[in-house]
Amino acid sequence: MENDSAIAALGALSQATRLDTFRLLVRHEPEGLAAGEAARQLGIPANTMSAHLAILARAGLVQSERKSRSIVYRAQLDGLRALMLFLVKDCCAGNPEVCAPLIAELSCC
């Protein structure tokens, strides 16, 4: 991952509704969630949800798939993984034991 991609992903997640949306989609992996249902669960208008989902998609954090008349969104876990690895790439200055607690926390999934 390059700096620009990381900045786009972090920027997309830096807004409360988008962060809530991404976390909601992560909770609904691997099935995903229809955009309308995500809007309902978060209590926001459907057109607002569409705008937030578009920003998350451009940042590589969500993907969509048409199923019948709905568009189902899923968290792009590979994008999240790439962002996390980018953030800790040079972790601990060559002392991996310092990063062990962080890695243990991330292993819960």
N, C-alpha and C. Protein backbone atom coordinates (compact mmCIF):
# COMPACT_ATOMS: atom_id res chain seq x y z
N MET A 1 0.85 -1.17 0.00
CA MET A 1 0.00 0.00 0.00
C MET A 1 0.89 1.24 0.00
N GLU A 2 0.51 2.21 -0.76
CA GLU A 2 1.23 3.47 -0.85
C GLU A 2 0.61 4.50 0.10
N ASN A 3 1.35 5.56 0.35
CA ASN A 3 0.85 6.62 1.23
C ASN A 3 -0.51 7.14 0.79
N ASP A 4 -0.68 7.40 -0.51
CA ASP A 4 -1.94 7.97 -1.00
C ASP A 4 -3.13 7.05 -0.71
N SER A 5 -2.94 5.75 -0.89
CA SER A 5 -4.02 4.80 -0.61
C SER A 5 -4.34 4.77 0.88
N ALA A 6 -3.31 4.79 1.70
CA ALA A 6 -3.52 4.79 3.16
C ALA A 6 -4.23 6.06 3.59
N ILE A 7 -3.85 7.19 3.03
CA ILE A 7 -4.49 8.46 3.37
C ILE A 7 -5.95 8.44 2.95
N ALA A 8 -6.26 7.88 1.78
CA ALA A 8 -7.65 7.78 1.33
C ALA A 8 -8.47 6.90 2.27
N ALA A 9 -7.91 5.76 2.68
CA ALA A 9 -8.62 4.86 3.58
C ALA A 9 -8.83 5.51 4.95
N LEU A 10 -7.79 6.10 5.48
CA LEU A 10 -7.91 6.75 6.78
C LEU A 10 -8.88 7.93 6.72
N GLY A 11 -8.84 8.67 5.61
CA GLY A 11 -9.77 9.78 5.43
C GLY A 11 -11.21 9.31 5.36
N ALA A 12 -11.43 8.19 4.67
CA ALA A 12 -12.79 7.65 4.57
C ALA A 12 -13.31 7.24 5.94
N LEU A 13 -12.45 6.70 6.77
CA LEU A 13 -12.85 6.24 8.09
C LEU A 13 -12.88 7.35 9.13
N SER A 14 -12.42 8.54 8.78
CA SER A 14 -12.32 9.62 9.75
C SER A 14 -13.63 10.37 9.97
N GLN A 15 -14.70 9.92 9.35
CA GLN A 15 -16.01 10.53 9.53
C GLN A 15 -16.88 9.52 10.28
N ALA A 16 -17.64 9.97 11.28
CA ALA A 16 -18.34 9.08 12.20
C ALA A 16 -19.30 8.11 11.50
N THR A 17 -20.10 8.58 10.57
CA THR A 17 -21.08 7.70 9.91
C THR A 17 -20.36 6.65 9.07
N ARG A 18 -19.29 7.04 8.39
CA ARG A 18 -18.56 6.06 7.58
C ARG A 18 -17.87 5.04 8.47
N LEU A 19 -17.33 5.47 9.57
CA LEU A 19 -16.71 4.53 10.50
C LEU A 19 -17.76 3.56 11.05
N ASP A 20 -18.91 4.07 11.44
CA ASP A 20 -20.01 3.21 11.91
C ASP A 20 -20.46 2.24 10.83
N THR A 21 -20.54 2.73 9.59
CA THR A 21 -20.95 1.89 8.47
C THR A 21 -19.95 0.77 8.23
N PHE A 22 -18.67 1.11 8.23
CA PHE A 22 -17.65 0.10 8.00
C PHE A 22 -17.70 -0.95 9.11
N ARG A 23 -17.80 -0.52 10.34
CA ARG A 23 -17.84 -1.47 11.46
C ARG A 23 -19.10 -2.34 11.39
N LEU A 24 -20.21 -1.77 10.95
CA LEU A 24 -21.44 -2.55 10.76
C LEU A 24 -21.23 -3.62 9.70
N LEU A 25 -20.60 -3.26 8.59
CA LEU A 25 -20.35 -4.22 7.52
C LEU A 25 -19.38 -5.32 7.97
N VAL A 26 -18.40 -4.96 8.78
CA VAL A 26 -17.47 -5.97 9.30
C VAL A 26 -18.25 -6.98 10.14
N ARG A 27 -19.19 -6.49 10.94
CA ARG A 27 -20.00 -7.40 11.78
C ARG A 27 -20.87 -8.34 10.94
N HIS A 28 -21.18 -7.94 9.72
CA HIS A 28 -22.05 -8.75 8.86
C HIS A 28 -21.28 -9.55 7.81
N GLU A 29 -19.99 -9.72 8.02
CA GLU A 29 -19.22 -10.57 7.12
C GLU A 29 -19.54 -12.02 7.42
N PRO A 30 -19.57 -12.90 6.44
CA PRO A 30 -19.29 -12.66 5.03
C PRO A 30 -20.53 -12.39 4.19
N GLU A 31 -21.72 -12.37 4.82
CA GLU A 31 -22.96 -12.21 4.04
C GLU A 31 -23.11 -10.83 3.42
N GLY A 32 -22.64 -9.81 4.13
CA GLY A 32 -22.85 -8.45 3.67
C GLY A 32 -24.20 -7.93 4.12
N LEU A 33 -24.51 -6.73 3.70
CA LEU A 33 -25.74 -6.07 4.13
C LEU A 33 -26.21 -5.16 3.01
N ALA A 34 -27.51 -5.19 2.75
CA ALA A 34 -28.07 -4.30 1.73
C ALA A 34 -27.92 -2.86 2.20
N ALA A 35 -27.70 -1.97 1.26
CA ALA A 35 -27.49 -0.57 1.59
C ALA A 35 -28.67 0.00 2.38
N GLY A 36 -29.89 -0.34 1.98
CA GLY A 36 -31.07 0.15 2.69
C GLY A 36 -31.14 -0.33 4.12
N GLU A 37 -30.75 -1.57 4.34
CA GLU A 37 -30.75 -2.13 5.70
C GLU A 37 -29.67 -1.47 6.54
N ALA A 38 -28.53 -1.20 5.95
CA ALA A 38 -27.46 -0.50 6.68
C ALA A 38 -27.94 0.90 7.08
N ALA A 39 -28.60 1.58 6.16
CA ALA A 39 -29.14 2.92 6.46
C ALA A 39 -30.17 2.83 7.59
N ARG A 40 -31.03 1.84 7.54
CA ARG A 40 -32.05 1.68 8.57
C ARG A 40 -31.42 1.43 9.93
N GLN A 41 -30.44 0.52 9.97
CA GLN A 41 -29.81 0.19 11.24
C GLN A 41 -29.06 1.36 11.85
N LEU A 42 -28.51 2.22 11.01
CA LEU A 42 -27.77 3.37 11.51
C LEU A 42 -28.64 4.62 11.63
N GLY A 43 -29.89 4.53 11.16
CA GLY A 43 -30.82 5.64 11.29
C GLY A 43 -30.46 6.85 10.45
N ILE A 44 -30.00 6.60 9.22
CA ILE A 44 -29.68 7.71 8.32
C ILE A 44 -30.44 7.52 7.01
N PRO A 45 -30.67 8.61 6.26
CA PRO A 45 -31.38 8.50 4.98
C PRO A 45 -30.60 7.65 3.98
N ALA A 46 -31.33 6.96 3.12
CA ALA A 46 -30.72 6.07 2.13
C ALA A 46 -29.76 6.80 1.20
N ASN A 47 -30.13 8.01 0.78
CA ASN A 47 -29.24 8.73 -0.14
C ASN A 47 -27.95 9.16 0.56
N THR A 48 -28.02 9.45 1.84
CA THR A 48 -26.81 9.78 2.60
C THR A 48 -25.93 8.54 2.72
N MET A 49 -26.57 7.39 2.97
CA MET A 49 -25.81 6.13 3.07
C MET A 49 -25.11 5.85 1.76
N SER A 50 -25.78 6.07 0.65
CA SER A 50 -25.16 5.82 -0.66
C SER A 50 -23.90 6.65 -0.85
N ALA A 51 -23.94 7.90 -0.44
CA ALA A 51 -22.77 8.77 -0.57
C ALA A 51 -21.62 8.24 0.31
N HIS A 52 -21.93 7.84 1.52
CA HIS A 52 -20.89 7.32 2.41
C HIS A 52 -20.31 6.01 1.87
N LEU A 53 -21.15 5.14 1.36
CA LEU A 53 -20.68 3.87 0.80
C LEU A 53 -19.79 4.10 -0.41
N ALA A 54 -20.12 5.10 -1.21
CA ALA A 54 -19.29 5.41 -2.38
C ALA A 54 -17.90 5.86 -1.96
N ILE A 55 -17.80 6.64 -0.92
CA ILE A 55 -16.50 7.09 -0.42
C ILE A 55 -15.70 5.91 0.10
N LEU A 56 -16.36 5.04 0.86
CA LEU A 56 -15.69 3.85 1.38
C LEU A 56 -15.23 2.93 0.25
N ALA A 57 -16.04 2.82 -0.80
CA ALA A 57 -15.68 1.98 -1.94
C ALA A 57 -14.47 2.55 -2.68
N ARG A 58 -14.46 3.86 -2.91
CA ARG A 58 -13.31 4.49 -3.58
C ARG A 58 -12.03 4.31 -2.78
N ALA A 59 -12.16 4.21 -1.46
CA ALA A 59 -10.99 4.03 -0.59
C ALA A 59 -10.58 2.55 -0.50
N GLY A 60 -11.32 1.67 -1.16
CA GLY A 60 -10.99 0.25 -1.17
C GLY A 60 -11.38 -0.48 0.10
N LEU A 61 -12.36 0.06 0.83
CA LEU A 61 -12.75 -0.54 2.10
C LEU A 61 -14.07 -1.31 2.03
N VAL A 62 -14.86 -1.09 1.00
CA VAL A 62 -16.09 -1.86 0.81
C VAL A 62 -16.22 -2.25 -0.65
N GLN A 63 -16.99 -3.30 -0.88
CA GLN A 63 -17.30 -3.72 -2.25
C GLN A 63 -18.80 -3.98 -2.31
N SER A 64 -19.34 -3.87 -3.49
CA SER A 64 -20.78 -4.06 -3.65
C SER A 64 -21.07 -5.15 -4.67
N GLU A 65 -22.26 -5.72 -4.52
CA GLU A 65 -22.72 -6.75 -5.45
C GLU A 65 -24.23 -6.63 -5.56
N ARG A 66 -24.71 -6.63 -6.80
CA ARG A 66 -26.16 -6.55 -7.00
C ARG A 66 -26.75 -7.94 -6.77
N LYS A 67 -27.76 -7.99 -5.92
CA LYS A 67 -28.52 -9.22 -5.68
C LYS A 67 -29.98 -8.88 -5.84
N SER A 68 -30.54 -9.34 -6.95
CA SER A 68 -31.93 -9.03 -7.29
C SER A 68 -32.08 -7.52 -7.39
N ARG A 69 -32.93 -6.92 -6.57
CA ARG A 69 -33.16 -5.48 -6.65
C ARG A 69 -32.33 -4.71 -5.62
N SER A 70 -31.53 -5.40 -4.85
CA SER A 70 -30.74 -4.75 -3.80
C SER A 70 -29.26 -4.73 -4.19
N ILE A 71 -28.57 -3.79 -3.61
CA ILE A 71 -27.11 -3.79 -3.71
C ILE A 71 -26.61 -4.13 -2.31
N VAL A 72 -25.88 -5.23 -2.25
CA VAL A 72 -25.34 -5.71 -0.97
C VAL A 72 -23.89 -5.27 -0.87
N TYR A 73 -23.57 -4.69 0.27
CA TYR A 73 -22.21 -4.21 0.52
C TYR A 73 -21.52 -5.12 1.52
N ARG A 74 -20.23 -5.30 1.30
CA ARG A 74 -19.40 -6.10 2.20
C ARG A 74 -18.15 -5.31 2.51
N ALA A 75 -17.65 -5.50 3.72
CA ALA A 75 -16.37 -4.90 4.07
C ALA A 75 -15.29 -5.56 3.23
N GLN A 76 -14.40 -4.77 2.70
CA GLN A 76 -13.27 -5.29 1.92
C GLN A 76 -12.15 -5.55 2.92
N LEU A 77 -12.12 -6.76 3.46
CA LEU A 77 -11.16 -7.08 4.51
C LEU A 77 -9.73 -7.06 4.02
N ASP A 78 -9.52 -7.32 2.73
CA ASP A 78 -8.16 -7.22 2.18
C ASP A 78 -7.67 -5.76 2.23
N GLY A 79 -8.58 -4.83 1.99
CA GLY A 79 -8.22 -3.41 2.10
C GLY A 79 -7.88 -3.03 3.52
N LEU A 80 -8.66 -3.53 4.47
CA LEU A 80 -8.38 -3.28 5.88
C LEU A 80 -7.04 -3.91 6.28
N ARG A 81 -6.80 -5.13 5.83
CA ARG A 81 -5.55 -5.81 6.13
C ARG A 81 -4.36 -5.01 5.59
N ALA A 82 -4.48 -4.55 4.36
CA ALA A 82 -3.40 -3.77 3.75
C ALA A 82 -3.14 -2.49 4.54
N LEU A 83 -4.20 -1.83 4.99
CA LEU A 83 -4.05 -0.62 5.78
C LEU A 83 -3.37 -0.91 7.11
N MET A 84 -3.80 -1.97 7.78
CA MET A 84 -3.20 -2.32 9.07
C MET A 84 -1.72 -2.66 8.90
N LEU A 85 -1.40 -3.43 7.87
CA LEU A 85 0.00 -3.79 7.64
C LEU A 85 0.84 -2.57 7.29
N PHE A 86 0.26 -1.66 6.53
CA PHE A 86 0.95 -0.42 6.19
C PHE A 86 1.29 0.36 7.46
N LEU A 87 0.33 0.43 8.40
CA LEU A 87 0.53 1.20 9.61
C LEU A 87 1.59 0.62 10.53
N VAL A 88 1.74 -0.70 10.51
CA VAL A 88 2.70 -1.33 11.42
C VAL A 88 3.92 -1.92 10.69
N LYS A 89 4.09 -1.57 9.44
CA LYS A 89 5.15 -2.15 8.62
C LYS A 89 6.52 -2.07 9.28
N ASP A 90 6.85 -0.95 9.82
CA ASP A 90 8.18 -0.77 10.41
C ASP A 90 8.09 -0.79 11.94
N CYS A 91 7.14 -1.55 12.43
CA CYS A 91 6.86 -1.60 13.86
C CYS A 91 8.06 -2.04 14.67
N CYS A 92 8.30 -1.34 15.73
CA CYS A 92 9.19 -1.80 16.80
C CYS A 92 10.66 -1.81 16.42
N ALA A 93 11.04 -1.18 15.35
CA ALA A 93 12.45 -1.05 14.98
C ALA A 93 13.21 -2.37 15.05
N GLY A 94 12.61 -3.41 14.50
CA GLY A 94 13.29 -4.70 14.47
C GLY A 94 13.18 -5.50 15.75
N ASN A 95 12.30 -5.12 16.64
CA ASN A 95 12.08 -5.85 17.89
C ASN A 95 10.64 -6.39 17.89
N PRO A 96 10.40 -7.51 17.22
CA PRO A 96 9.05 -8.01 17.05
C PRO A 96 8.33 -8.31 18.35
N GLU A 97 9.06 -8.57 19.41
CA GLU A 97 8.40 -8.88 20.69
C GLU A 97 7.60 -7.68 21.21
N VAL A 98 8.00 -6.47 20.82
CA VAL A 98 7.26 -5.28 21.24
C VAL A 98 5.88 -5.25 20.59
N CYS A 99 5.78 -5.77 19.36
CA CYS A 99 4.52 -5.78 18.63
C CYS A 99 3.64 -6.98 18.96
N ALA A 100 4.15 -7.94 19.71
CA ALA A 100 3.40 -9.16 20.00
C ALA A 100 2.01 -8.90 20.57
N PRO A 101 1.83 -7.97 21.52
CA PRO A 101 0.48 -7.72 22.05
C PRO A 101 -0.48 -7.21 20.97
N LEU A 102 0.01 -6.36 20.09
CA LEU A 102 -0.83 -5.85 19.01
C LEU A 102 -1.25 -6.98 18.08
N ILE A 103 -0.31 -7.82 17.71
CA ILE A 103 -0.61 -8.94 16.82
C ILE A 103 -1.58 -9.91 17.48
N ALA A 104 -1.41 -10.14 18.77
CA ALA A 104 -2.33 -11.02 19.50
C ALA A 104 -3.75 -10.46 19.49
N GLU A 105 -3.90 -9.17 19.66
CA GLU A 105 -5.22 -8.53 19.63
C GLU A 105 -5.87 -8.68 18.25
N LEU A 106 -5.08 -8.53 17.21
CA LEU A 106 -5.60 -8.62 15.85
C LEU A 106 -5.91 -10.06 15.43
N SER A 107 -5.41 -11.03 16.15
CA SER A 107 -5.61 -12.43 15.81
C SER A 107 -6.98 -12.94 16.23
N CYS A 108 -7.75 -12.15 16.93
CA CYS A 108 -9.03 -12.63 17.46
C CYS A 108 -9.99 -13.10 16.38
N CYS A 109 -9.83 -12.58 15.19
CA CYS A 109 -10.76 -12.95 14.10
C CYS A 109 -10.38 -14.28 13.51
